[in-house]
């Protein structure tokens, strides 16, 4: 296990947590570090996914069964739980948590299946896209025509991928793994070039452009660092899956006691980190609950 990758994955997920806090973006430096810069989190996870696929699974005959267990099932559970809680809050207490969806069939087609837009638990769109990518790999590598039962409905009735840059960066991760020996030989030079590109991009472009070289720089700076650490894969995954529902549900109560927006953001993040860690500890004790994190 490369612990540097595990640490980087945790950092990326924490950055994603920042972007889903309840905070009105403005032109302040605080907003930049909470809303804008953390956008590199999803991009970094995309690179990590491609890299790990190549170094751990490229020679395996088929990994789609594992991906159903580790991606599709946790995704469906996480969004199914949010849908149930949302319905209960609406019909039992008259509280509407939805801001993009309606209480109709779209809760299934968009809220759960995410045909055209992020699901009811928005950050999990990444897991949806990564699973579709693995379905495409399975179709191309093993001629598994059953994958068409998943791919065709999304391609015909919705969007095959919510974000195609996830696919591009997944391929970048695969390329880094394929060229790893070469990259290690010229590691410092590559990092210097990427750093220069990042500096120039920050000066001449906006975050939507320079977040890509920054994500590549972050990954390449970390990917071969020799570290010893704990296996935090299960915690990272649970944080990715459940930080947004925790923030959404807790914010109305927090807003009654905390008026300072900066403090509110900090409390939201700490609450998400803490409660997801408690959930992680529970899944370590109750074996059957490991299904929430795909067995991690």
Protein backbone atom coordinates (compact mmCIF):
# COMPACT_ATOMS: atom_id res chain seq x y z
CA UNK A 1 0.00 0.00 0.00
CA UNK A 2 1.25 3.48 -0.87
CA UNK A 3 0.43 5.49 2.22
CA UNK A 4 1.29 8.71 0.42
CA UNK A 5 -1.65 8.02 -1.91
CA UNK A 6 -3.93 7.28 1.05
CA UNK A 7 -2.93 10.57 2.71
CA UNK A 8 -3.43 12.45 -0.54
CA UNK A 9 -6.87 10.88 -0.99
CA UNK A 10 -7.85 11.99 2.52
CA UNK A 11 -6.60 15.53 1.82
CA UNK A 12 -8.60 15.60 -1.42
CA UNK A 13 -11.81 14.49 0.32
CA UNK A 14 -11.34 17.07 3.10
CA UNK A 15 -10.96 19.74 0.39
CA UNK A 16 -14.21 18.52 -1.18
CA UNK A 17 -15.84 18.87 2.25
CA UNK A 18 -14.83 22.54 2.28
CA UNK A 19 -16.68 23.21 -0.97
CA UNK A 20 -20.00 21.92 0.41
CA UNK A 21 -20.16 24.06 3.52
CA UNK A 22 -23.01 26.54 3.76
CA UNK A 23 -21.21 29.76 2.96
CA UNK A 24 -22.03 32.57 0.54
CA UNK A 25 -19.03 33.06 -1.78
CA UNK A 26 -17.56 36.55 -1.95
CA UNK A 27 -14.31 38.14 -3.10
CA UNK A 28 -12.46 37.55 0.17
CA UNK A 29 -9.35 35.42 0.57
CA UNK A 30 -11.31 33.20 2.99
CA UNK A 31 -13.84 32.44 0.26
CA UNK A 32 -11.04 31.58 -2.16
CA UNK A 33 -9.53 29.00 0.21
CA UNK A 34 -12.90 27.54 1.22
CA UNK A 35 -14.84 27.56 -2.05
CA UNK A 36 -12.48 27.99 -5.01
CA UNK A 37 -9.12 26.32 -4.38
CA UNK A 38 -10.63 23.14 -2.82
CA UNK A 39 -12.12 22.38 -6.24
CA UNK A 40 -8.86 20.57 -6.95
CA UNK A 41 -10.04 17.84 -4.55
CA UNK A 42 -12.26 16.05 -7.09
CA UNK A 43 -9.62 16.41 -9.79
CA UNK A 44 -6.98 14.87 -7.54
CA UNK A 45 -9.28 11.94 -6.75
CA UNK A 46 -9.74 11.39 -10.49
CA UNK A 47 -5.96 11.14 -11.01
CA UNK A 48 -5.64 8.82 -8.01
CA UNK A 49 -8.38 6.53 -9.38
CA UNK A 50 -6.65 6.16 -12.74
CA UNK A 51 -3.25 5.64 -11.14
CA UNK A 52 -4.47 2.98 -8.71
CA UNK A 53 -6.40 1.19 -11.44
CA UNK A 54 -3.24 0.78 -13.51
CA UNK A 55 -0.92 -0.33 -10.71
CA UNK A 56 -3.37 -2.67 -8.96
CA UNK A 57 -5.93 -3.95 -11.46
CA UNK A 58 -4.75 -3.65 -15.06
CA UNK A 59 -3.70 -7.31 -15.19
CA UNK A 60 -6.83 -8.69 -13.57
CA UNK A 61 -9.29 -10.40 -15.87
CA UNK A 62 -12.31 -8.49 -14.55
CA UNK A 63 -12.82 -6.06 -11.69
CA UNK A 64 -16.40 -4.99 -12.36
CA UNK A 65 -17.77 -7.22 -9.58
CA UNK A 66 -15.49 -5.49 -7.11
CA UNK A 67 -16.48 -2.07 -8.45
CA UNK A 68 -20.17 -2.87 -8.00
CA UNK A 69 -19.41 -3.71 -4.37
CA UNK A 70 -17.08 -0.78 -3.69
CA UNK A 71 -18.66 1.94 -5.84
CA UNK A 72 -22.23 1.25 -6.98
CA UNK A 73 -23.63 -0.21 -3.76
CA UNK A 74 -22.19 2.47 -1.38
CA UNK A 75 -23.36 5.14 -3.84
CA UNK A 76 -26.93 3.78 -3.93
CA UNK A 77 -27.03 3.40 -0.14
CA UNK A 78 -25.71 6.93 0.51
CA UNK A 79 -28.22 8.53 -1.85
CA UNK A 80 -31.05 6.21 -0.81
CA UNK A 81 -30.57 7.21 2.84
CA UNK A 82 -30.68 10.90 1.92
CA UNK A 83 -33.85 10.42 -0.12
CA UNK A 84 -35.57 8.62 2.77
CA UNK A 85 -34.52 11.32 5.26
CA UNK A 86 -35.66 14.04 2.86
CA UNK A 87 -39.07 12.42 2.40
CA UNK A 88 -39.47 11.97 6.17
CA UNK A 89 -38.53 15.59 6.85
CA UNK A 90 -40.99 16.84 4.25
CA UNK A 91 -44.04 14.72 5.04
CA UNK A 92 -43.57 14.42 8.81
CA UNK A 93 -42.28 17.92 9.64
CA UNK A 94 -42.99 20.00 6.54
CA UNK A 95 -39.30 20.78 6.06
CA UNK A 96 -37.99 20.81 2.48
CA UNK A 97 -34.27 20.05 2.15
CA UNK A 98 -34.40 19.92 -1.65
CA UNK A 99 -33.11 22.85 -3.68
CA UNK A 100 -32.62 21.25 -7.12
CA UNK A 101 -35.15 18.42 -7.20
CA UNK A 102 -38.89 18.01 -6.69
CA UNK A 103 -40.92 15.47 -4.76
CA UNK A 104 -41.77 13.43 -7.84
CA UNK A 105 -40.18 10.85 -10.13
CA UNK A 106 -37.06 13.02 -10.40
CA UNK A 107 -36.10 11.84 -6.92
CA UNK A 108 -35.47 8.47 -8.55
CA UNK A 109 -34.22 9.45 -12.01
CA UNK A 110 -32.01 12.33 -10.85
CA UNK A 111 -31.81 12.04 -7.07
CA UNK A 112 -30.77 8.39 -7.08
CA UNK A 113 -29.74 7.42 -10.62
CA UNK A 114 -28.32 10.83 -11.54
CA UNK A 115 -29.22 10.61 -15.21
CA UNK A 116 -28.55 14.24 -16.09
CA UNK A 117 -27.28 15.99 -12.97
CA UNK A 118 -25.61 15.30 -9.61
CA UNK A 119 -27.71 13.09 -7.30
CA UNK A 120 -29.54 14.19 -4.17
CA UNK A 121 -26.23 13.75 -2.30
CA UNK A 122 -24.24 15.95 -4.73
CA UNK A 123 -20.59 15.01 -3.98
CA UNK A 124 -21.31 11.38 -4.88
CA UNK A 125 -21.61 12.27 -8.58
CA UNK A 126 -17.87 11.53 -8.68
CA UNK A 127 -18.49 7.93 -7.60
CA UNK A 128 -21.24 7.62 -10.21
CA UNK A 129 -18.87 8.84 -12.96
CA UNK A 130 -15.97 6.65 -11.85
CA UNK A 131 -18.26 3.61 -11.85
CA UNK A 132 -19.41 4.41 -15.40
CA UNK A 133 -15.75 4.71 -16.43
CA UNK A 134 -15.06 1.24 -15.04
CA UNK A 135 -18.11 -0.08 -16.90
CA UNK A 136 -16.63 1.32 -20.13
CA UNK A 137 -13.27 -0.30 -19.31
CA UNK A 138 -15.01 -3.63 -18.70
CA UNK A 139 -16.86 -3.33 -22.02
CA UNK A 140 -13.72 -2.52 -24.00
CA UNK A 141 -11.31 -4.92 -22.27
CA UNK A 142 -13.49 -7.97 -21.76
CA UNK A 143 -16.26 -7.43 -24.30
CA UNK A 144 -18.73 -7.71 -21.45
CA UNK A 145 -21.94 -6.74 -23.22
CA UNK A 146 -23.86 -6.63 -19.95
CA UNK A 147 -22.19 -3.27 -19.39
CA UNK A 148 -24.38 -1.88 -22.17
CA UNK A 149 -27.35 -2.30 -19.82
CA UNK A 150 -25.76 0.44 -17.70
CA UNK A 151 -24.00 2.54 -20.32
CA UNK A 152 -26.75 2.80 -22.97
CA UNK A 153 -29.54 4.16 -20.70
CA UNK A 154 -27.22 6.87 -19.39
CA UNK A 155 -25.99 7.74 -22.89
CA UNK A 156 -29.49 7.79 -24.42
CA UNK A 157 -31.67 9.20 -21.63
CA UNK A 158 -29.15 11.36 -19.78
CA UNK A 159 -25.48 12.19 -19.64
CA UNK A 160 -23.01 9.33 -19.79
CA UNK A 161 -20.74 11.31 -17.46
CA UNK A 162 -21.63 14.31 -15.33
CA UNK A 163 -18.11 15.67 -15.79
CA UNK A 164 -15.91 14.53 -18.65
CA UNK A 165 -12.83 16.10 -17.09
CA UNK A 166 -12.99 13.25 -14.56
CA UNK A 167 -12.39 10.83 -17.45
CA UNK A 168 -9.52 12.97 -18.80
CA UNK A 169 -7.81 13.06 -15.41
CA UNK A 170 -8.45 9.35 -14.87
CA UNK A 171 -6.54 8.77 -18.11
CA UNK A 172 -3.84 11.14 -16.82
CA UNK A 173 -3.55 8.97 -13.71
CA UNK A 174 -3.23 5.85 -15.88
CA UNK A 175 -0.55 7.60 -17.94
CA UNK A 176 1.42 8.57 -14.83
CA UNK A 177 1.35 4.95 -13.65
CA UNK A 178 2.41 3.70 -17.08
CA UNK A 179 5.30 6.20 -17.26
CA UNK A 180 6.16 5.99 -13.55
CA UNK A 181 9.78 4.90 -14.05
CA UNK A 182 10.41 7.73 -16.48
CA UNK A 183 8.68 10.25 -14.22
CA UNK A 184 10.79 9.17 -11.25
CA UNK A 185 13.97 9.75 -13.28
CA UNK A 186 12.95 13.32 -14.09
CA UNK A 187 10.74 13.95 -11.07
CA UNK A 188 12.26 17.26 -9.96
CA UNK A 189 12.32 18.65 -13.48
CA UNK A 190 8.68 17.71 -14.08
CA UNK A 191 7.64 19.27 -10.77
CA UNK A 192 9.55 22.46 -11.62
CA UNK A 193 7.84 22.72 -15.01
CA UNK A 194 4.42 22.07 -13.49
CA UNK A 195 5.09 24.65 -10.77
CA UNK A 196 5.98 27.22 -13.42
CA UNK A 197 2.82 26.39 -15.36
CA UNK A 198 0.77 26.78 -12.16
CA UNK A 199 2.31 30.17 -11.36
CA UNK A 200 1.68 31.45 -14.89
CA UNK A 201 -1.84 30.04 -14.93
CA UNK A 202 -2.74 31.65 -11.61
CA UNK A 203 -1.61 35.01 -12.97
CA UNK A 204 -3.39 34.84 -16.31
CA UNK A 205 -6.38 32.52 -15.89
CA UNK A 206 -9.16 31.79 -13.41
CA UNK A 207 -9.56 28.85 -11.05
CA UNK A 208 -11.52 26.86 -13.62
CA UNK A 209 -8.36 26.68 -15.76
CA UNK A 210 -5.47 26.51 -13.33
CA UNK A 211 -7.06 23.96 -10.99
CA UNK A 212 -5.95 21.23 -13.44
CA UNK A 213 -2.17 21.83 -13.34
CA UNK A 214 -2.40 22.37 -9.57
CA UNK A 215 -4.10 18.98 -9.16
CA UNK A 216 -1.38 17.33 -11.27
CA UNK A 217 1.33 19.10 -9.30
CA UNK A 218 -0.22 18.00 -6.00
CA UNK A 219 -0.44 14.39 -7.10
CA UNK A 220 3.09 14.22 -8.54
CA UNK A 221 4.51 15.89 -5.43
CA UNK A 222 2.92 13.21 -3.24
CA UNK A 223 2.70 10.01 -5.25
CA UNK A 224 6.18 8.64 -4.55
CA UNK A 225 6.79 10.03 -1.06
CA UNK A 226 7.86 7.26 1.31
CA UNK A 227 5.60 7.48 4.35
CA UNK A 228 4.18 5.23 7.01
CA UNK A 229 0.64 5.96 8.04
CA UNK A 230 -2.67 4.40 8.99
CA UNK A 231 -5.01 2.91 6.42
CA UNK A 232 -7.54 5.73 6.19
CA UNK A 233 -9.26 4.51 3.02
CA UNK A 234 -12.49 3.58 4.81
CA UNK A 235 -12.69 6.90 6.64
CA UNK A 236 -11.92 8.91 3.48
CA UNK A 237 -14.67 7.10 1.62
CA UNK A 238 -17.28 7.58 4.34
CA UNK A 239 -16.35 11.26 4.59
CA UNK A 240 -16.83 11.61 0.84
CA UNK A 241 -20.20 9.86 0.97
CA UNK A 242 -21.74 11.48 4.03
CA UNK A 243 -20.18 14.89 4.72
CA UNK A 244 -22.76 16.76 2.65
CA UNK A 245 -25.88 15.30 4.35
CA UNK A 246 -24.32 16.04 7.75
CA UNK A 247 -23.65 19.65 6.78
CA UNK A 248 -27.09 20.16 5.23
CA UNK A 249 -28.93 18.67 8.20
CA UNK A 250 -26.88 20.42 10.89
CA UNK A 251 -26.70 23.87 9.34
CA UNK A 252 -30.25 25.04 10.27
CA UNK A 253 -29.50 24.26 13.92
CA UNK A 254 -26.00 25.77 13.80
CA UNK A 255 -27.36 28.98 12.29
CA UNK A 256 -29.47 29.52 15.41
CA UNK A 257 -26.36 29.71 17.60
CA UNK A 258 -23.55 30.85 15.31
CA UNK A 259 -23.87 34.10 13.40
CA UNK A 260 -20.25 34.54 12.33
CA UNK A 261 -19.96 32.96 8.87
CA UNK A 262 -16.28 32.05 9.25
CA UNK A 263 -16.87 30.29 12.55
CA UNK A 264 -19.91 28.56 11.08
CA UNK A 265 -17.82 27.14 8.22
CA UNK A 266 -15.20 25.86 10.67
CA UNK A 267 -17.85 24.18 12.85
CA UNK A 268 -19.53 22.61 9.80
CA UNK A 269 -16.23 21.10 8.68
CA UNK A 270 -15.30 19.85 12.14
CA UNK A 271 -18.75 18.36 12.64
CA UNK A 272 -18.59 16.51 9.31
CA UNK A 273 -15.09 15.21 10.06
CA UNK A 274 -16.06 14.10 13.58
CA UNK A 275 -19.38 12.42 12.79
CA UNK A 276 -17.96 10.60 9.78
CA UNK A 277 -15.11 9.37 11.96
CA UNK A 278 -17.64 8.10 14.50
CA UNK A 279 -19.45 6.31 11.67
CA UNK A 280 -16.12 4.85 10.57
CA UNK A 281 -15.45 3.52 14.10
CA UNK A 282 -18.93 1.96 14.18
CA UNK A 283 -18.29 0.18 10.87
CA UNK A 284 -15.07 -1.23 12.35
CA UNK A 285 -17.08 -2.74 15.20
CA UNK A 286 -20.11 -3.91 13.22
CA UNK A 287 -18.85 -5.98 10.30
CA UNK A 288 -22.09 -5.80 8.30
CA UNK A 289 -21.95 -2.01 8.22
CA UNK A 290 -18.75 -2.14 6.19
CA UNK A 291 -21.08 -2.30 3.21
CA UNK A 292 -21.40 1.48 3.64
CA UNK A 293 -17.78 1.89 2.61
CA UNK A 294 -17.66 -0.97 0.14
CA UNK A 295 -15.89 -3.24 2.58
CA UNK A 296 -13.01 -0.83 3.19
